[in-house]
Amino acid sequence: MAEQLNDRDSSGLADKLMQYLPARFRPGTAVVPVVRLSGVIGAVTPLRPGMTLAGVARILERAFSYRNAKAVALVINSPGGSPVQSRQIYLRIKQLAAEKKLPVLVFVEDVAASGGYMIACAGDEIICDPSSILGSIGVVGGSFGFQDAIRRLGIERRLYTAGAHKAMLDPFLPENPDDVAKLKAIQREIHQIFISLVKDSRGARLNGNDDTLFTGEYWAGESAIALGLADGIGDLRSTLRARYGEKVLTPVIAQPTGLLSGLFGRKAPGAGQLLAMESMAGLPDELISAVETRAIWAKFGF
């Protein structure tokens, strides 16, 4: 009888102590860390950094190393950008998921297009809103031609190169059809890499021929699901509660900010201001970058 009382007292004490533990450390608590991946992908300019692997690697590592994690949720809102950075982020997510043996759930907000959709393909499932935009599986590049403008202004272009194609597609020189053909060949090669990645990731879920899926076209949520580019309609909170219980914890893993950010490898206060001052000479580039960034978002109606 005394032993039973002692066991009951010990159990009650353990329950009381458990109440003081953070919720994520309590046995049986489901945790799904959330990482937001937003914006144009790739280095833009010093004052307008885009999404890169270097910028998101730390938070991805933290999310996949979270104690008691049942899965990792990625919230994506990106119109695309650099194919290299997109693929590197995709690969890092796939690597971490395999190492930690955790499923990855992707939730698309406004848009996951082009490189944004490439990253979304790292998920085991892609869940979107009916009004989300998905797809744009293609490659695009553009420039301007200023040769007539500088001639009218009486400006002479002087360019010195070693290498027959070093000045290829220079915006101040007339367009050369051979240079355009070379660029298009590179784009086709990158496009094929993108297509193979989507096919490997989505597999038998794809429901359409190549001439439909891989033309650079994009679709709203329901149409994307019908084509196999996404798996279902839903939102993060409702979906995770339905799968992991009403008490599922969804901590957002974000970059450290404030005075302690320097301890995590970020610049100390004042360094960013110094960088901004040093970059004042690049303000024309910043303006062009802002216009280009806005144009990328505007392509999808945002």
Protein backbone atom coordinates (compact mmCIF):
# COMPACT_ATOMS: atom_id res chain seq x y z
CA MET A 1 0.00 0.00 0.00
CA ALA A 2 2.83 2.38 0.91
CA GLU A 3 4.55 1.59 -2.37
CA GLN A 4 1.38 2.50 -4.31
CA LEU A 5 1.16 5.82 -2.48
CA ASN A 6 4.80 6.58 -3.23
CA ASP A 7 4.27 5.79 -6.92
CA ARG A 8 1.18 8.05 -6.98
CA ASP A 9 3.07 10.88 -5.28
CA SER A 10 5.98 10.54 -7.70
CA SER A 11 3.62 10.58 -10.66
CA GLY A 12 1.84 13.66 -9.36
CA LEU A 13 5.14 15.44 -8.80
CA ALA A 14 6.28 14.57 -12.32
CA ASP A 15 3.04 15.96 -13.75
CA LYS A 16 3.49 19.19 -11.84
CA LEU A 17 7.09 19.56 -12.97
CA MET A 18 6.05 18.88 -16.55
CA GLN A 19 3.81 21.96 -16.46
CA TYR A 20 6.86 24.15 -16.06
CA LEU A 21 8.61 22.75 -19.11
CA PRO A 22 8.24 24.68 -22.39
CA ALA A 23 5.45 23.08 -24.39
CA ARG A 24 7.79 21.83 -27.12
CA PHE A 25 9.76 19.73 -24.58
CA ARG A 26 6.73 17.91 -23.19
CA PRO A 27 6.35 14.29 -24.31
CA GLY A 28 3.69 13.81 -26.94
CA THR A 29 3.66 17.45 -28.07
CA ALA A 30 3.60 17.74 -31.85
CA VAL A 31 5.84 20.47 -33.26
CA VAL A 32 5.98 21.65 -36.88
CA PRO A 33 8.55 24.43 -37.39
CA VAL A 34 7.60 27.00 -40.01
CA VAL A 35 10.02 28.73 -42.40
CA ARG A 36 8.93 31.62 -44.61
CA LEU A 37 10.68 31.88 -47.99
CA SER A 38 9.63 35.14 -49.62
CA GLY A 39 10.78 37.52 -52.33
CA VAL A 40 12.72 37.52 -55.56
CA ILE A 41 15.42 34.83 -55.61
CA GLY A 42 19.08 35.72 -56.04
CA ALA A 43 21.39 38.59 -55.20
CA VAL A 44 19.85 41.81 -56.48
CA THR A 45 21.96 44.71 -55.20
CA PRO A 46 23.64 45.49 -51.83
CA LEU A 47 20.62 47.48 -50.65
CA ARG A 48 18.04 45.03 -52.01
CA PRO A 49 19.24 41.50 -51.19
CA GLY A 50 17.14 38.71 -52.65
CA MET A 51 16.58 35.19 -51.37
CA THR A 52 19.77 33.10 -51.53
CA LEU A 53 20.99 29.85 -50.03
CA ALA A 54 23.45 31.79 -47.88
CA GLY A 55 20.57 33.84 -46.52
CA VAL A 56 18.25 30.94 -45.66
CA ALA A 57 20.65 28.06 -44.88
CA ARG A 58 20.83 28.84 -41.15
CA ILE A 59 17.07 29.00 -40.60
CA LEU A 60 16.54 25.81 -42.62
CA GLU A 61 19.11 24.01 -40.45
CA ARG A 62 17.38 25.26 -37.29
CA ALA A 63 13.95 24.18 -38.51
CA PHE A 64 15.04 20.65 -39.39
CA SER A 65 16.91 20.30 -36.08
CA TYR A 66 13.94 21.36 -33.95
CA ARG A 67 13.23 19.02 -31.04
CA ASN A 68 10.07 16.88 -31.33
CA ALA A 69 9.47 18.08 -34.90
CA LYS A 70 6.97 15.93 -36.79
CA ALA A 71 7.46 17.79 -40.07
CA VAL A 72 8.73 21.09 -41.44
CA ALA A 73 6.39 23.58 -43.07
CA LEU A 74 7.60 25.99 -45.75
CA VAL A 75 5.53 29.05 -46.59
CA ILE A 76 6.50 30.24 -50.07
CA ASN A 77 5.69 33.56 -51.70
CA SER A 78 8.11 34.13 -54.59
CA PRO A 79 7.86 35.01 -58.28
CA GLY A 80 11.22 33.40 -58.98
CA GLY A 81 14.62 34.73 -59.95
CA SER A 82 18.03 33.06 -60.12
CA PRO A 83 17.79 29.43 -61.32
CA VAL A 84 21.07 28.63 -59.54
CA GLN A 85 19.95 29.92 -56.13
CA SER A 86 16.52 28.33 -56.59
CA ARG A 87 18.02 24.91 -57.24
CA GLN A 88 20.55 25.23 -54.41
CA ILE A 89 17.79 26.05 -51.92
CA TYR A 90 15.73 23.15 -53.31
CA LEU A 91 18.66 20.76 -52.87
CA ARG A 92 19.41 21.92 -49.32
CA ILE A 93 15.79 21.31 -48.29
CA LYS A 94 15.83 17.84 -49.85
CA GLN A 95 19.14 17.01 -48.15
CA LEU A 96 17.96 18.12 -44.71
CA ALA A 97 14.66 16.28 -45.07
CA ALA A 98 16.50 13.06 -45.93
CA GLU A 99 19.03 13.48 -43.10
CA LYS A 100 16.39 14.20 -40.44
CA LYS A 101 13.75 11.90 -41.94
CA LEU A 102 11.11 14.62 -41.76
CA PRO A 103 8.29 15.26 -44.25
CA VAL A 104 8.12 18.72 -45.81
CA LEU A 105 4.80 20.48 -46.32
CA VAL A 106 4.81 23.49 -48.65
CA PHE A 107 2.15 26.18 -48.33
CA VAL A 108 1.91 28.61 -51.24
CA GLU A 109 0.69 32.13 -50.50
CA ASP A 110 0.25 34.58 -53.40
CA VAL A 111 2.67 33.02 -55.84
CA ALA A 112 5.16 30.18 -56.26
CA ALA A 113 6.28 30.70 -59.84
CA SER A 114 9.42 29.94 -61.81
CA GLY A 115 12.22 29.61 -59.20
CA GLY A 116 9.61 29.91 -56.45
CA TYR A 117 7.87 26.84 -57.83
CA MET A 118 11.22 25.06 -58.14
CA ILE A 119 11.74 25.51 -54.39
CA ALA A 120 8.15 24.38 -53.73
CA CYS A 121 8.95 21.08 -55.47
CA ALA A 122 11.20 20.22 -52.50
CA GLY A 123 8.03 19.53 -50.52
CA ASP A 124 6.36 16.15 -50.17
CA GLU A 125 3.11 18.02 -50.64
CA ILE A 126 2.25 21.43 -52.10
CA ILE A 127 -0.83 23.07 -50.58
CA CYS A 128 -2.17 26.33 -51.93
CA ASP A 129 -5.03 28.82 -51.83
CA PRO A 130 -7.59 28.82 -54.66
CA SER A 131 -6.19 32.21 -55.71
CA SER A 132 -2.51 31.24 -55.49
CA ILE A 133 -0.47 31.40 -58.70
CA LEU A 134 1.75 28.39 -59.48
CA GLY A 135 3.90 27.26 -62.38
CA SER A 136 5.80 29.41 -64.89
CA ILE A 137 8.19 26.53 -65.56
CA GLY A 138 10.47 28.26 -68.01
CA VAL A 139 13.51 30.52 -68.37
CA VAL A 140 13.47 34.22 -69.22
CA GLY A 141 16.14 36.83 -69.76
CA GLY A 142 15.98 40.38 -71.04
CA SER A 143 17.91 43.52 -71.75
CA PHE A 144 17.60 46.89 -73.49
CA GLY A 145 19.07 48.32 -76.66
CA PHE A 146 20.60 51.78 -76.25
CA GLN A 147 22.71 52.03 -79.41
CA ASP A 148 20.33 54.49 -81.15
CA ALA A 149 19.92 56.58 -78.00
CA ILE A 150 23.65 57.12 -77.49
CA ARG A 151 24.12 57.91 -81.18
CA ARG A 152 21.48 60.65 -81.01
CA LEU A 153 23.23 62.06 -77.94
CA GLY A 154 26.54 62.10 -79.77
CA ILE A 155 28.10 59.48 -77.49
CA GLU A 156 30.68 57.13 -78.92
CA ARG A 157 30.84 53.61 -77.50
CA ARG A 158 34.40 52.42 -76.86
CA LEU A 159 34.75 48.81 -75.79
CA TYR A 160 37.96 46.79 -75.62
CA THR A 161 37.85 43.03 -75.24
CA ALA A 162 39.99 39.91 -75.52
CA GLY A 163 37.74 37.10 -76.65
CA ALA A 164 35.38 37.07 -79.61
CA HIS A 165 32.23 36.87 -77.51
CA LYS A 166 33.25 38.86 -74.44
CA ALA A 167 30.91 41.73 -75.41
CA MET A 168 28.03 39.42 -76.29
CA LEU A 169 24.62 41.12 -75.93
CA ASP A 170 26.14 44.45 -74.87
CA PRO A 171 23.11 46.81 -74.67
CA PHE A 172 25.06 49.65 -76.31
CA LEU A 173 25.88 47.62 -79.43
CA PRO A 174 23.52 46.41 -82.18
CA GLU A 175 22.01 42.99 -81.50
CA ASN A 176 23.91 40.11 -83.07
CA PRO A 177 21.70 37.16 -84.16
CA ASP A 178 24.51 34.70 -83.39
CA ASP A 179 24.73 36.01 -79.83
CA VAL A 180 20.97 35.66 -79.41
CA ALA A 181 21.16 32.07 -80.66
CA LYS A 182 23.87 31.29 -78.11
CA LEU A 183 21.78 32.77 -75.29
CA LYS A 184 18.72 30.80 -76.32
CA ALA A 185 20.77 27.58 -76.34
CA ILE A 186 21.81 28.25 -72.73
CA GLN A 187 18.20 28.99 -71.79
CA ARG A 188 17.04 25.70 -73.32
CA GLU A 189 19.66 23.84 -71.31
CA ILE A 190 18.58 25.49 -68.05
CA HIS A 191 14.92 24.91 -68.97
CA GLN A 192 15.58 21.19 -69.38
CA ILE A 193 17.20 21.07 -65.91
CA PHE A 194 14.06 22.72 -64.50
CA ILE A 195 11.77 20.28 -66.32
CA SER A 196 13.72 17.26 -65.07
CA LEU A 197 13.58 18.57 -61.49
CA VAL A 198 9.80 18.99 -61.64
CA LYS A 199 9.31 15.55 -63.17
CA ASP A 200 11.57 13.91 -60.58
CA SER A 201 9.80 15.70 -57.71
CA ARG A 202 6.17 15.41 -58.81
CA GLY A 203 6.43 12.08 -60.63
CA ALA A 204 3.16 10.36 -61.46
CA ARG A 205 1.16 13.22 -59.94
CA LEU A 206 1.76 15.33 -63.06
CA ASN A 207 -1.31 15.31 -65.27
CA GLY A 208 -0.50 16.95 -68.58
CA ASN A 209 1.91 16.76 -71.50
CA ASP A 210 5.13 18.74 -71.76
CA ASP A 211 3.59 21.23 -74.19
CA THR A 212 1.08 22.18 -71.50
CA LEU A 213 3.13 22.06 -68.32
CA PHE A 214 6.50 23.44 -69.38
CA THR A 215 5.75 26.42 -71.64
CA GLY A 216 6.22 29.01 -68.90
CA GLU A 217 2.46 29.29 -68.38
CA TYR A 218 1.08 29.62 -64.85
CA TRP A 219 -2.22 28.74 -63.21
CA ALA A 220 -4.44 29.49 -60.22
CA GLY A 221 -4.74 26.96 -57.40
CA GLU A 222 -7.50 24.62 -58.61
CA SER A 223 -6.08 24.41 -62.13
CA ALA A 224 -2.59 23.76 -60.74
CA ILE A 225 -4.00 20.87 -58.68
CA ALA A 226 -5.77 19.43 -61.74
CA LEU A 227 -2.43 19.46 -63.60
CA GLY A 228 -0.65 17.80 -60.68
CA LEU A 229 1.51 20.83 -59.89
CA ALA A 230 -0.06 21.04 -56.41
CA ASP A 231 -1.82 18.58 -54.11
CA GLY A 232 -4.62 20.40 -52.38
CA ILE A 233 -6.34 23.54 -51.16
CA GLY A 234 -5.74 24.62 -47.59
CA ASP A 235 -4.02 26.93 -45.15
CA LEU A 236 -1.19 26.26 -42.75
CA ARG A 237 -3.09 26.48 -39.44
CA SER A 238 -6.07 24.32 -40.44
CA THR A 239 -3.99 21.73 -42.25
CA LEU A 240 -1.50 21.22 -39.44
CA ARG A 241 -4.21 21.06 -36.78
CA ALA A 242 -6.10 18.46 -38.78
CA ARG A 243 -2.99 16.30 -39.14
CA TYR A 244 -1.19 16.76 -35.85
CA GLY A 245 -3.90 17.77 -33.40
CA GLU A 246 -5.39 21.00 -32.09
CA LYS A 247 -2.40 21.60 -29.80
CA VAL A 248 0.25 21.35 -32.52
CA LEU A 249 2.97 23.97 -32.07
CA THR A 250 4.07 25.93 -35.15
CA PRO A 251 7.10 28.06 -34.16
CA VAL A 252 8.25 30.39 -36.93
CA ILE A 253 11.98 30.06 -37.51
CA ALA A 254 13.31 33.46 -38.56
CA GLN A 255 16.62 35.23 -38.91
CA PRO A 256 17.83 36.75 -35.60
CA THR A 257 17.34 40.51 -35.35
CA GLY A 258 18.28 43.29 -32.98
CA LEU A 259 21.36 43.69 -30.79
CA LEU A 260 22.02 39.94 -30.52
CA SER A 261 22.04 39.38 -34.26
CA GLY A 262 25.80 39.95 -34.37
CA LEU A 263 26.28 36.82 -32.27
CA PHE A 264 24.74 34.79 -35.08
CA GLY A 265 26.99 36.06 -37.83
CA ARG A 266 25.05 39.14 -38.90
CA LYS A 267 26.48 42.61 -39.10
CA ALA A 268 26.55 44.64 -35.90
CA PRO A 269 24.35 47.74 -35.59
CA GLY A 270 25.79 50.53 -37.68
CA ALA A 271 27.47 48.23 -40.21
CA GLY A 272 24.36 48.20 -42.33
CA GLN A 273 24.19 51.97 -42.19
CA LEU A 274 27.83 52.18 -43.27
CA LEU A 275 27.12 49.83 -46.16
CA ALA A 276 24.19 51.98 -47.21
CA MET A 277 26.37 55.10 -47.18
CA GLU A 278 29.03 53.38 -49.26
CA SER A 279 26.38 52.26 -51.72
CA MET A 280 24.95 55.72 -52.40
CA ALA A 281 26.93 55.79 -55.63
CA GLY A 282 24.92 52.78 -56.74
CA LEU A 283 21.51 54.41 -56.36
CA PRO A 284 20.83 54.38 -60.13
CA ASP A 285 21.35 50.61 -60.05
CA GLU A 286 19.05 50.42 -57.04
CA LEU A 287 16.34 52.25 -58.96
CA ILE A 288 16.67 49.90 -61.92
CA SER A 289 16.67 46.92 -59.54
CA ALA A 290 13.51 48.16 -57.86
CA VAL A 291 11.78 48.57 -61.22
CA GLU A 292 12.86 45.09 -62.36
CA THR A 293 11.75 43.54 -59.08
CA ARG A 294 8.39 45.27 -59.35
CA ALA A 295 8.06 44.03 -62.94
CA ILE A 296 8.68 40.42 -61.87
CA TRP A 297 5.89 40.61 -59.28
CA ALA A 298 3.59 42.49 -61.68
CA LYS A 299 3.87 39.66 -64.20
CA PHE A 300 1.72 37.59 -61.84
CA GLY A 301 -0.70 40.38 -60.95
CA PHE A 302 0.92 41.46 -57.65
